[in-house]
Amino acid sequence: MLTPEVGVCGQCQDRYREMATCSGCGQNMLSPGYSGMVYECPLCSEFYCQQCWDTMEGRHRSP
């Protein structure tokens, strides 16, 4: 994943924005407001935010 310090052209920005979107909830994990980990499924190569990954792993805590 790119860090905020890495610059890319506009076409690639759109591609990375799409790649950095959680496949579970649609959250953009490159946004400054996101502070969790980014997980990639080793089989399908989809990306997931920490909350969705924890839920799939059965580690989601209810408030």
N, C-alpha and C. Protein backbone atom coordinates (compact mmCIF):
# COMPACT_ATOMS: atom_id res chain seq x y z
N MET A 1 0.84 -1.19 0.00
CA MET A 1 0.00 0.00 0.00
C MET A 1 0.88 1.24 0.00
N LEU A 2 0.35 2.27 -0.54
CA LEU A 2 1.07 3.53 -0.55
C LEU A 2 0.92 4.24 0.79
N THR A 3 1.92 4.97 1.14
CA THR A 3 1.84 5.85 2.30
C THR A 3 1.50 7.24 1.80
N PRO A 4 1.01 8.12 2.66
CA PRO A 4 0.64 9.47 2.19
C PRO A 4 1.82 10.25 1.60
N GLU A 5 3.05 9.89 1.92
CA GLU A 5 4.21 10.61 1.42
C GLU A 5 4.56 10.25 -0.03
N VAL A 6 3.97 9.20 -0.57
CA VAL A 6 4.29 8.74 -1.91
C VAL A 6 3.35 9.41 -2.90
N GLY A 7 3.92 10.06 -3.91
CA GLY A 7 3.11 10.71 -4.93
C GLY A 7 3.00 9.85 -6.18
N VAL A 8 1.82 9.82 -6.78
CA VAL A 8 1.60 9.08 -8.01
C VAL A 8 0.73 9.93 -8.94
N CYS A 9 0.69 9.58 -10.21
CA CYS A 9 -0.13 10.31 -11.17
C CYS A 9 -1.62 10.09 -10.87
N GLY A 10 -2.45 10.95 -11.47
CA GLY A 10 -3.89 10.89 -11.22
C GLY A 10 -4.52 9.56 -11.57
N GLN A 11 -4.10 8.95 -12.67
CA GLN A 11 -4.65 7.66 -13.08
C GLN A 11 -4.33 6.59 -12.04
N CYS A 12 -3.11 6.60 -11.54
CA CYS A 12 -2.72 5.62 -10.53
C CYS A 12 -3.38 5.91 -9.18
N GLN A 13 -3.63 7.20 -8.88
CA GLN A 13 -4.32 7.54 -7.65
C GLN A 13 -5.69 6.89 -7.62
N ASP A 14 -6.40 6.96 -8.74
CA ASP A 14 -7.72 6.33 -8.82
C ASP A 14 -7.62 4.83 -8.63
N ARG A 15 -6.61 4.23 -9.22
CA ARG A 15 -6.41 2.78 -9.09
C ARG A 15 -6.11 2.40 -7.63
N TYR A 16 -5.22 3.15 -6.99
CA TYR A 16 -4.89 2.84 -5.60
C TYR A 16 -6.05 3.12 -4.66
N ARG A 17 -6.83 4.16 -4.95
CA ARG A 17 -8.01 4.44 -4.14
C ARG A 17 -8.98 3.27 -4.22
N GLU A 18 -9.15 2.73 -5.42
CA GLU A 18 -10.02 1.58 -5.61
C GLU A 18 -9.47 0.35 -4.88
N MET A 19 -8.16 0.13 -4.98
CA MET A 19 -7.54 -1.01 -4.31
C MET A 19 -7.59 -0.88 -2.79
N ALA A 20 -7.55 0.35 -2.29
CA ALA A 20 -7.51 0.58 -0.86
C ALA A 20 -8.90 0.72 -0.25
N THR A 21 -9.90 0.30 -0.97
CA THR A 21 -11.26 0.30 -0.46
C THR A 21 -11.58 -1.07 0.11
N CYS A 22 -12.09 -1.10 1.34
CA CYS A 22 -12.41 -2.37 1.99
C CYS A 22 -13.46 -3.12 1.19
N SER A 23 -13.21 -4.37 0.92
CA SER A 23 -14.16 -5.19 0.15
C SER A 23 -15.39 -5.56 0.97
N GLY A 24 -15.31 -5.37 2.29
CA GLY A 24 -16.44 -5.70 3.14
C GLY A 24 -17.40 -4.53 3.32
N CYS A 25 -16.86 -3.37 3.75
CA CYS A 25 -17.73 -2.24 4.08
C CYS A 25 -17.57 -1.05 3.15
N GLY A 26 -16.57 -1.05 2.28
CA GLY A 26 -16.38 0.03 1.33
C GLY A 26 -15.60 1.22 1.87
N GLN A 27 -15.05 1.11 3.06
CA GLN A 27 -14.27 2.21 3.65
C GLN A 27 -12.96 2.41 2.90
N ASN A 28 -12.60 3.68 2.65
CA ASN A 28 -11.32 3.99 2.01
C ASN A 28 -10.25 3.95 3.07
N MET A 29 -9.35 2.99 2.98
CA MET A 29 -8.33 2.79 4.01
C MET A 29 -7.12 3.69 3.81
N LEU A 30 -7.11 4.51 2.74
CA LEU A 30 -6.05 5.50 2.55
C LEU A 30 -6.45 6.84 3.14
N SER A 31 -7.69 6.97 3.59
CA SER A 31 -8.13 8.25 4.14
C SER A 31 -7.42 8.51 5.46
N PRO A 32 -7.14 9.78 5.76
CA PRO A 32 -6.44 10.13 7.00
C PRO A 32 -7.20 9.70 8.26
N GLY A 33 -8.50 9.53 8.16
CA GLY A 33 -9.31 9.13 9.31
C GLY A 33 -9.22 7.66 9.65
N TYR A 34 -8.66 6.86 8.76
CA TYR A 34 -8.55 5.42 9.02
C TYR A 34 -7.22 5.13 9.70
N SER A 35 -7.28 4.47 10.87
CA SER A 35 -6.04 4.21 11.61
C SER A 35 -5.77 2.73 11.85
N GLY A 36 -6.61 1.86 11.32
CA GLY A 36 -6.42 0.43 11.54
C GLY A 36 -5.48 -0.21 10.54
N MET A 37 -5.33 -1.51 10.67
CA MET A 37 -4.50 -2.29 9.75
C MET A 37 -5.26 -2.54 8.45
N VAL A 38 -4.52 -2.90 7.40
CA VAL A 38 -5.11 -3.29 6.12
C VAL A 38 -4.73 -4.74 5.90
N TYR A 39 -5.72 -5.58 5.62
CA TYR A 39 -5.50 -7.01 5.44
C TYR A 39 -5.80 -7.40 4.00
N GLU A 40 -5.01 -8.31 3.47
CA GLU A 40 -5.23 -8.83 2.12
C GLU A 40 -5.46 -10.32 2.22
N CYS A 41 -6.54 -10.80 1.62
CA CYS A 41 -6.82 -12.24 1.61
C CYS A 41 -5.81 -12.91 0.69
N PRO A 42 -5.13 -13.95 1.18
CA PRO A 42 -4.12 -14.61 0.36
C PRO A 42 -4.70 -15.40 -0.82
N LEU A 43 -5.99 -15.68 -0.79
CA LEU A 43 -6.60 -16.43 -1.90
C LEU A 43 -7.19 -15.55 -2.98
N CYS A 44 -7.99 -14.55 -2.58
CA CYS A 44 -8.67 -13.73 -3.59
C CYS A 44 -8.00 -12.38 -3.79
N SER A 45 -7.04 -12.03 -2.96
CA SER A 45 -6.29 -10.76 -3.03
C SER A 45 -7.14 -9.52 -2.78
N GLU A 46 -8.31 -9.68 -2.18
CA GLU A 46 -9.15 -8.54 -1.82
C GLU A 46 -8.61 -7.93 -0.52
N PHE A 47 -8.80 -6.60 -0.36
CA PHE A 47 -8.34 -5.90 0.84
C PHE A 47 -9.50 -5.66 1.79
N TYR A 48 -9.21 -5.73 3.10
CA TYR A 48 -10.23 -5.54 4.13
C TYR A 48 -9.69 -4.65 5.23
N CYS A 49 -10.58 -3.84 5.82
CA CYS A 49 -10.20 -3.03 6.97
C CYS A 49 -10.11 -3.94 8.19
N GLN A 50 -9.55 -3.41 9.25
CA GLN A 50 -9.32 -4.20 10.45
C GLN A 50 -10.64 -4.70 11.05
N GLN A 51 -11.66 -3.85 11.08
CA GLN A 51 -12.93 -4.25 11.67
C GLN A 51 -13.57 -5.40 10.88
N CYS A 52 -13.60 -5.31 9.56
CA CYS A 52 -14.19 -6.38 8.76
C CYS A 52 -13.38 -7.67 8.87
N TRP A 53 -12.04 -7.55 8.88
CA TRP A 53 -11.19 -8.72 8.99
C TRP A 53 -11.42 -9.41 10.34
N ASP A 54 -11.47 -8.62 11.42
CA ASP A 54 -11.71 -9.19 12.75
C ASP A 54 -13.07 -9.87 12.81
N THR A 55 -14.07 -9.28 12.15
CA THR A 55 -15.40 -9.89 12.13
C THR A 55 -15.37 -11.24 11.41
N MET A 56 -14.68 -11.28 10.28
CA MET A 56 -14.57 -12.56 9.54
C MET A 56 -13.80 -13.61 10.33
N GLU A 57 -12.84 -13.18 11.12
CA GLU A 57 -12.04 -14.08 11.93
C GLU A 57 -12.73 -14.45 13.23
N GLY A 58 -13.88 -13.83 13.50
CA GLY A 58 -14.60 -14.12 14.73
C GLY A 58 -14.04 -13.38 15.94
N ARG A 59 -13.29 -12.31 15.70
CA ARG A 59 -12.70 -11.55 16.81
C ARG A 59 -13.38 -10.21 17.02
N HIS A 60 -14.50 -10.00 16.38
CA HIS A 60 -15.19 -8.71 16.53
C HIS A 60 -15.81 -8.61 17.91
N ARG A 61 -15.55 -7.48 18.56
CA ARG A 61 -16.10 -7.25 19.90
C ARG A 61 -17.30 -6.34 19.80
N SER A 62 -18.39 -6.72 20.42
CA SER A 62 -19.57 -5.86 20.45
C SER A 62 -19.41 -4.85 21.56
N PRO A 63 -19.83 -3.59 21.32
CA PRO A 63 -19.70 -2.57 22.38
C PRO A 63 -20.63 -2.80 23.52
